[in-house]
Amino acid sequence: MSGGHMVTMINQMLLHGDESRFLAVLEEICAHMRAQPGFLSLRLHRSPDHPERWAMLADWSDAAAHRAAASAPGIRPAFARLRAEAHTAPQVYAPVPTPGAPAGDSLA
């Protein structure tokens, strides 16, 4: 996917390490991402039924902006520290029309 349209990066994370180290490295990663061109917003979620399950949702102006931010050399060590504490499954998604939604109700 090339740039041009808003995307959401969804990173499903399964905590298996130390929660305080996990949160500290997430703070570092979030600060980096917020400072990058094309960053729009970031939300962190935790399952109340399975507290080891987390999800990060970050909106970007386009896929190219996210790719540039995520591949910056300075952030790679933080990603490695995150993977030491949690299994991560990041994936970029583009909005599509919601089936059956009223006109104008979709992000697409």
C-alpha atoms as a PDB file:
ATOM      1  CA  MET A   1       0.000   0.000   0.000  1.00  0.00           C
ATOM      2  CA  SER A   2       1.386   3.364  -0.935  1.00  0.00           C
ATOM      3  CA  GLY A   3       0.731   6.674   0.765  1.00  0.00           C
ATOM      4  CA  GLY A   4      -2.260   8.876   0.207  1.00  0.00           C
ATOM      5  CA  HIS A   5      -5.050   7.774   2.559  1.00  0.00           C
ATOM      6  CA  MET A   6      -5.377   7.592   6.331  1.00  0.00           C
ATOM      7  CA  VAL A   7      -4.418   4.235   7.841  1.00  0.00           C
ATOM      8  CA  THR A   8      -4.578   2.713  11.314  1.00  0.00           C
ATOM      9  CA  MET A   9      -1.747   0.612  12.686  1.00  0.00           C
ATOM     10  CA  ILE A  10      -3.167  -1.981  15.082  1.00  0.00           C
ATOM     11  CA  ASN A  11      -0.624  -3.790  17.243  1.00  0.00           C
ATOM     12  CA  GLN A  12      -2.059  -6.672  19.252  1.00  0.00           C
ATOM     13  CA  MET A  13       0.297  -7.426  22.135  1.00  0.00           C
ATOM     14  CA  LEU A  14       0.398 -10.360  24.543  1.00  0.00           C
ATOM     15  CA  LEU A  15       2.369  -9.484  27.685  1.00  0.00           C
ATOM     16  CA  HIS A  16       4.650 -12.290  28.856  1.00  0.00           C
ATOM     17  CA  GLY A  17       7.351 -10.273  30.613  1.00  0.00           C
ATOM     18  CA  ASP A  18       7.582  -7.512  33.178  1.00  0.00           C
ATOM     19  CA  GLU A  19       4.654  -5.068  33.021  1.00  0.00           C
ATOM     20  CA  SER A  20       6.640  -2.075  34.273  1.00  0.00           C
ATOM     21  CA  ARG A  21       9.352  -2.563  31.599  1.00  0.00           C
ATOM     22  CA  PHE A  22       6.591  -3.104  29.005  1.00  0.00           C
ATOM     23  CA  LEU A  23       4.884   0.177  29.954  1.00  0.00           C
ATOM     24  CA  ALA A  24       8.193   2.073  30.028  1.00  0.00           C
ATOM     25  CA  VAL A  25       9.143   0.982  26.516  1.00  0.00           C
ATOM     26  CA  LEU A  26       5.600   1.666  25.269  1.00  0.00           C
ATOM     27  CA  GLU A  27       5.954   5.205  26.614  1.00  0.00           C
ATOM     28  CA  GLU A  28       9.214   5.610  24.687  1.00  0.00           C
ATOM     29  CA  ILE A  29       7.694   4.245  21.467  1.00  0.00           C
ATOM     30  CA  CYS A  30       4.561   6.381  21.798  1.00  0.00           C
ATOM     31  CA  ALA A  31       6.634   9.536  22.353  1.00  0.00           C
ATOM     32  CA  HIS A  32       8.681   8.763  19.239  1.00  0.00           C
ATOM     33  CA  MET A  33       5.602   8.100  17.106  1.00  0.00           C
ATOM     34  CA  ARG A  34       3.782  11.249  18.287  1.00  0.00           C
ATOM     35  CA  ALA A  35       6.746  13.358  17.125  1.00  0.00           C
ATOM     36  CA  GLN A  36       6.781  11.934  13.584  1.00  0.00           C
ATOM     37  CA  PRO A  37       5.354  13.581  10.450  1.00  0.00           C
ATOM     38  CA  GLY A  38       1.952  12.154   9.549  1.00  0.00           C
ATOM     39  CA  PHE A  39       1.063  11.031  13.088  1.00  0.00           C
ATOM     40  CA  LEU A  40      -2.608  11.709  13.910  1.00  0.00           C
ATOM     41  CA  SER A  41      -3.558   9.889  17.136  1.00  0.00           C
ATOM     42  CA  LEU A  42      -2.737   6.936  19.358  1.00  0.00           C
ATOM     43  CA  ARG A  43      -4.835   4.862  21.742  1.00  0.00           C
ATOM     44  CA  LEU A  44      -3.856   2.024  24.055  1.00  0.00           C
ATOM     45  CA  HIS A  45      -6.367  -0.614  25.142  1.00  0.00           C
ATOM     46  CA  ARG A  46      -6.219  -3.500  27.636  1.00  0.00           C
ATOM     47  CA  SER A  47      -8.628  -6.403  27.899  1.00  0.00           C
ATOM     48  CA  PRO A  48     -10.502  -6.406  31.221  1.00  0.00           C
ATOM     49  CA  ASP A  49     -11.101 -10.167  30.862  1.00  0.00           C
ATOM     50  CA  HIS A  50      -7.530 -11.038  29.836  1.00  0.00           C
ATOM     51  CA  PRO A  51      -5.234  -8.320  31.299  1.00  0.00           C
ATOM     52  CA  GLU A  52      -2.196  -9.769  29.516  1.00  0.00           C
ATOM     53  CA  ARG A  53      -3.804  -8.740  26.189  1.00  0.00           C
ATOM     54  CA  TRP A  54      -3.152  -5.194  24.968  1.00  0.00           C
ATOM     55  CA  ALA A  55      -3.826  -3.330  21.723  1.00  0.00           C
ATOM     56  CA  MET A  56      -2.270  -0.148  20.377  1.00  0.00           C
ATOM     57  CA  LEU A  57      -4.154   1.743  17.659  1.00  0.00           C
ATOM     58  CA  ALA A  58      -2.349   4.562  15.910  1.00  0.00           C
ATOM     59  CA  ASP A  59      -3.841   6.663  13.117  1.00  0.00           C
ATOM     60  CA  TRP A  60      -1.505   7.985  10.425  1.00  0.00           C
ATOM     61  CA  SER A  61      -2.041  10.320   7.482  1.00  0.00           C
ATOM     62  CA  ASP A  62      -0.922   7.508   5.172  1.00  0.00           C
ATOM     63  CA  ALA A  63       0.967   4.218   5.096  1.00  0.00           C
ATOM     64  CA  ALA A  64       4.212   5.851   3.965  1.00  0.00           C
ATOM     65  CA  ALA A  65       4.291   8.115   7.050  1.00  0.00           C
ATOM     66  CA  HIS A  66       3.826   5.136   9.364  1.00  0.00           C
ATOM     67  CA  ARG A  67       6.459   3.113   7.506  1.00  0.00           C
ATOM     68  CA  ALA A  68       8.977   5.964   7.809  1.00  0.00           C
ATOM     69  CA  ALA A  69       8.309   6.409  11.540  1.00  0.00           C
ATOM     70  CA  ALA A  70       8.492   2.683  12.289  1.00  0.00           C
ATOM     71  CA  SER A  71      11.707   2.179  10.316  1.00  0.00           C
ATOM     72  CA  ALA A  72      13.648   5.077  11.850  1.00  0.00           C
ATOM     73  CA  PRO A  73      16.972   3.627  13.071  1.00  0.00           C
ATOM     74  CA  GLY A  74      16.667   5.203  16.532  1.00  0.00           C
ATOM     75  CA  ILE A  75      13.427   3.385  17.370  1.00  0.00           C
ATOM     76  CA  ARG A  76      14.554  -0.157  16.532  1.00  0.00           C
ATOM     77  CA  PRO A  77      16.143  -0.841  19.949  1.00  0.00           C
ATOM     78  CA  ALA A  78      12.864   0.134  21.644  1.00  0.00           C
ATOM     79  CA  PHE A  79      10.934  -2.290  19.424  1.00  0.00           C
ATOM     80  CA  ALA A  80      13.398  -5.034  20.423  1.00  0.00           C
ATOM     81  CA  ARG A  81      12.834  -4.239  24.120  1.00  0.00           C
ATOM     82  CA  LEU A  82       9.064  -4.326  23.549  1.00  0.00           C
ATOM     83  CA  ARG A  83       9.324  -7.785  21.959  1.00  0.00           C
ATOM     84  CA  ALA A  84      11.333  -8.962  24.987  1.00  0.00           C
ATOM     85  CA  GLU A  85       8.289  -8.239  27.182  1.00  0.00           C
ATOM     86  CA  ALA A  86       5.381  -9.048  24.833  1.00  0.00           C
ATOM     87  CA  HIS A  87       4.510 -10.927  21.678  1.00  0.00           C
ATOM     88  CA  THR A  88       3.577  -8.229  19.152  1.00  0.00           C
ATOM     89  CA  ALA A  89       1.520  -8.441  15.959  1.00  0.00           C
ATOM     90  CA  PRO A  90       1.513  -5.009  14.273  1.00  0.00           C
ATOM     91  CA  GLN A  91      -0.432  -4.566  11.056  1.00  0.00           C
ATOM     92  CA  VAL A  92      -1.521  -1.494   9.085  1.00  0.00           C
ATOM     93  CA  TYR A  93      -5.179  -1.257   8.035  1.00  0.00           C
ATOM     94  CA  ALA A  94      -6.984   1.105   5.663  1.00  0.00           C
ATOM     95  CA  PRO A  95     -10.615   2.048   6.365  1.00  0.00           C
ATOM     96  CA  VAL A  96     -13.292   0.523   4.126  1.00  0.00           C
ATOM     97  CA  PRO A  97     -17.035   1.195   3.898  1.00  0.00           C
ATOM     98  CA  THR A  98     -18.999  -0.577   6.623  1.00  0.00           C
ATOM     99  CA  PRO A  99     -21.563  -2.943   5.071  1.00  0.00           C
ATOM    100  CA  GLY A 100     -25.103  -1.689   5.680  1.00  0.00           C
ATOM    101  CA  ALA A 101     -23.972   1.591   7.226  1.00  0.00           C
ATOM    102  CA  PRO A 102     -25.905   4.767   6.381  1.00  0.00           C
ATOM    103  CA  ALA A 103     -24.248   7.015   3.798  1.00  0.00           C
ATOM    104  CA  GLY A 104     -21.578   9.164   5.423  1.00  0.00           C
ATOM    105  CA  ASP A 105     -21.204   6.781   8.399  1.00  0.00           C
ATOM    106  CA  SER A 106     -17.872   5.319   7.232  1.00  0.00           C
ATOM    107  CA  LEU A 107     -14.346   6.650   7.544  1.00  0.00           C
ATOM    108  CA  ALA A 108     -13.676   5.659   3.936  1.00  0.00           C
END
